[in-house]
Amino acid sequence: MEDAEHRFDQIHVFKGVPDDVEELVLYPYMGSNGVHIPKLLGQGFGMSSSEARRLIQQGAVKLDGEVLPPDRFDIDPAELNGRTIQVGKRRFKRLVDAR
């Protein structure tokens, strides 16, 4: 029970990232222009690419706590490595470039 309370406080009270964030490997989502974020969100978080685009445009996707610009769909993998991506209030993944 204490673990659940700690996780809740970490996310909602202190607006932080939980301690037990799952890793998401960037390599499968890389294209010629970098990592395609809608594809990464679609496969990494189990949603469609169109839903991922909509969430990005609505400001619901954050990278290390900063809202992802609504027109930025391709990002250099070096910029993403080691950072945490957040979708909505409760879904987090730590991005790793494991090639």
Protein backbone atom coordinates (compact mmCIF):
# COMPACT_ATOMS: atom_id res chain seq x y z
CA MET A 1 0.00 0.00 0.00
CA GLU A 2 2.85 2.38 0.80
CA ASP A 3 4.40 1.79 -2.63
CA ALA A 4 1.19 2.83 -4.40
CA GLU A 5 0.90 5.92 -2.24
CA HIS A 6 4.54 6.84 -2.91
CA ARG A 7 4.03 6.41 -6.69
CA PHE A 8 0.85 8.52 -6.59
CA ASP A 9 2.61 11.31 -4.65
CA GLN A 10 5.64 11.17 -6.97
CA ILE A 11 3.47 11.65 -10.08
CA HIS A 12 0.55 13.81 -8.95
CA VAL A 13 1.68 15.74 -5.89
CA PHE A 14 5.32 16.45 -6.77
CA LYS A 15 4.80 16.35 -10.60
CA GLY A 16 7.79 14.05 -10.93
CA VAL A 17 8.67 10.84 -12.71
CA PRO A 18 8.10 7.53 -10.91
CA ASP A 19 11.14 5.49 -9.89
CA ASP A 20 10.14 2.38 -11.84
CA VAL A 21 9.92 3.73 -15.40
CA GLU A 22 10.08 1.16 -18.19
CA GLU A 23 12.70 1.63 -20.93
CA LEU A 24 11.82 2.07 -24.60
CA VAL A 25 14.54 1.41 -27.19
CA LEU A 26 14.73 4.11 -29.89
CA TYR A 27 16.39 2.04 -32.62
CA PRO A 28 13.21 0.51 -34.18
CA TYR A 29 11.64 3.96 -34.65
CA MET A 30 14.55 5.65 -36.44
CA GLY A 31 14.14 6.90 -39.98
CA SER A 32 16.21 9.08 -42.29
CA ASN A 33 15.04 12.23 -40.45
CA GLY A 34 15.56 10.85 -36.94
CA VAL A 35 13.10 9.19 -34.57
CA HIS A 36 9.50 9.54 -35.76
CA ILE A 37 7.66 10.37 -32.51
CA PRO A 38 4.12 9.32 -33.62
CA LYS A 39 5.45 5.88 -34.57
CA LEU A 40 7.38 5.63 -31.28
CA LEU A 41 4.28 6.56 -29.27
CA GLY A 42 2.06 4.32 -31.37
CA GLN A 43 4.07 1.17 -30.84
CA GLY A 44 5.66 2.03 -27.50
CA PHE A 45 2.44 3.11 -25.77
CA GLY A 46 -0.08 1.03 -27.75
CA MET A 47 -1.94 3.70 -29.69
CA SER A 48 -2.43 4.58 -33.34
CA SER A 49 -0.08 7.01 -35.10
CA SER A 50 -2.98 9.38 -35.71
CA GLU A 51 -3.87 9.37 -32.00
CA ALA A 52 -0.19 10.04 -31.20
CA ARG A 53 -0.15 13.01 -33.61
CA ARG A 54 -3.32 14.38 -32.04
CA LEU A 55 -1.85 14.09 -28.53
CA ILE A 56 1.34 15.86 -29.64
CA GLN A 57 -0.68 18.68 -31.23
CA GLN A 58 -2.78 19.02 -28.06
CA GLY A 59 0.32 19.35 -25.87
CA ALA A 60 -0.24 16.05 -24.03
CA VAL A 61 3.26 14.71 -24.78
CA LYS A 62 6.21 15.88 -22.68
CA LEU A 63 9.92 15.24 -22.91
CA ASP A 64 11.58 15.56 -19.48
CA GLY A 65 8.63 17.64 -18.30
CA GLU A 66 8.64 20.06 -21.25
CA VAL A 67 5.77 20.00 -23.74
CA LEU A 68 6.82 18.67 -27.14
CA PRO A 69 6.28 21.33 -29.86
CA PRO A 70 3.09 20.52 -31.83
CA ASP A 71 4.85 20.55 -35.21
CA ARG A 72 7.88 18.46 -34.28
CA PHE A 73 7.42 14.83 -35.30
CA ASP A 74 11.02 13.81 -36.10
CA ILE A 75 13.78 14.24 -33.51
CA ASP A 76 17.48 13.37 -33.61
CA PRO A 77 18.09 10.22 -31.49
CA ALA A 78 21.02 11.92 -29.71
CA GLU A 79 18.51 14.46 -28.35
CA LEU A 80 16.28 11.71 -26.96
CA ASN A 81 18.75 9.24 -25.45
CA GLY A 82 18.33 8.96 -21.68
CA ARG A 83 15.33 11.28 -21.53
CA THR A 84 11.84 10.46 -20.26
CA ILE A 85 8.78 10.79 -22.48
CA GLN A 86 5.40 11.27 -20.86
CA VAL A 87 1.98 10.82 -22.46
CA GLY A 88 -0.84 12.32 -20.44
CA LYS A 89 -0.48 12.30 -16.68
CA ARG A 90 0.35 8.66 -15.98
CA ARG A 91 2.29 7.04 -18.83
CA PHE A 92 6.08 7.29 -18.80
CA LYS A 93 8.96 5.62 -20.68
CA ARG A 94 12.71 6.21 -20.47
CA LEU A 95 14.19 6.43 -23.97
CA VAL A 96 17.42 4.54 -24.67
CA ASP A 97 19.47 4.20 -27.85
CA ALA A 98 20.63 0.59 -27.58
CA ARG A 99 22.27 -0.12 -30.95
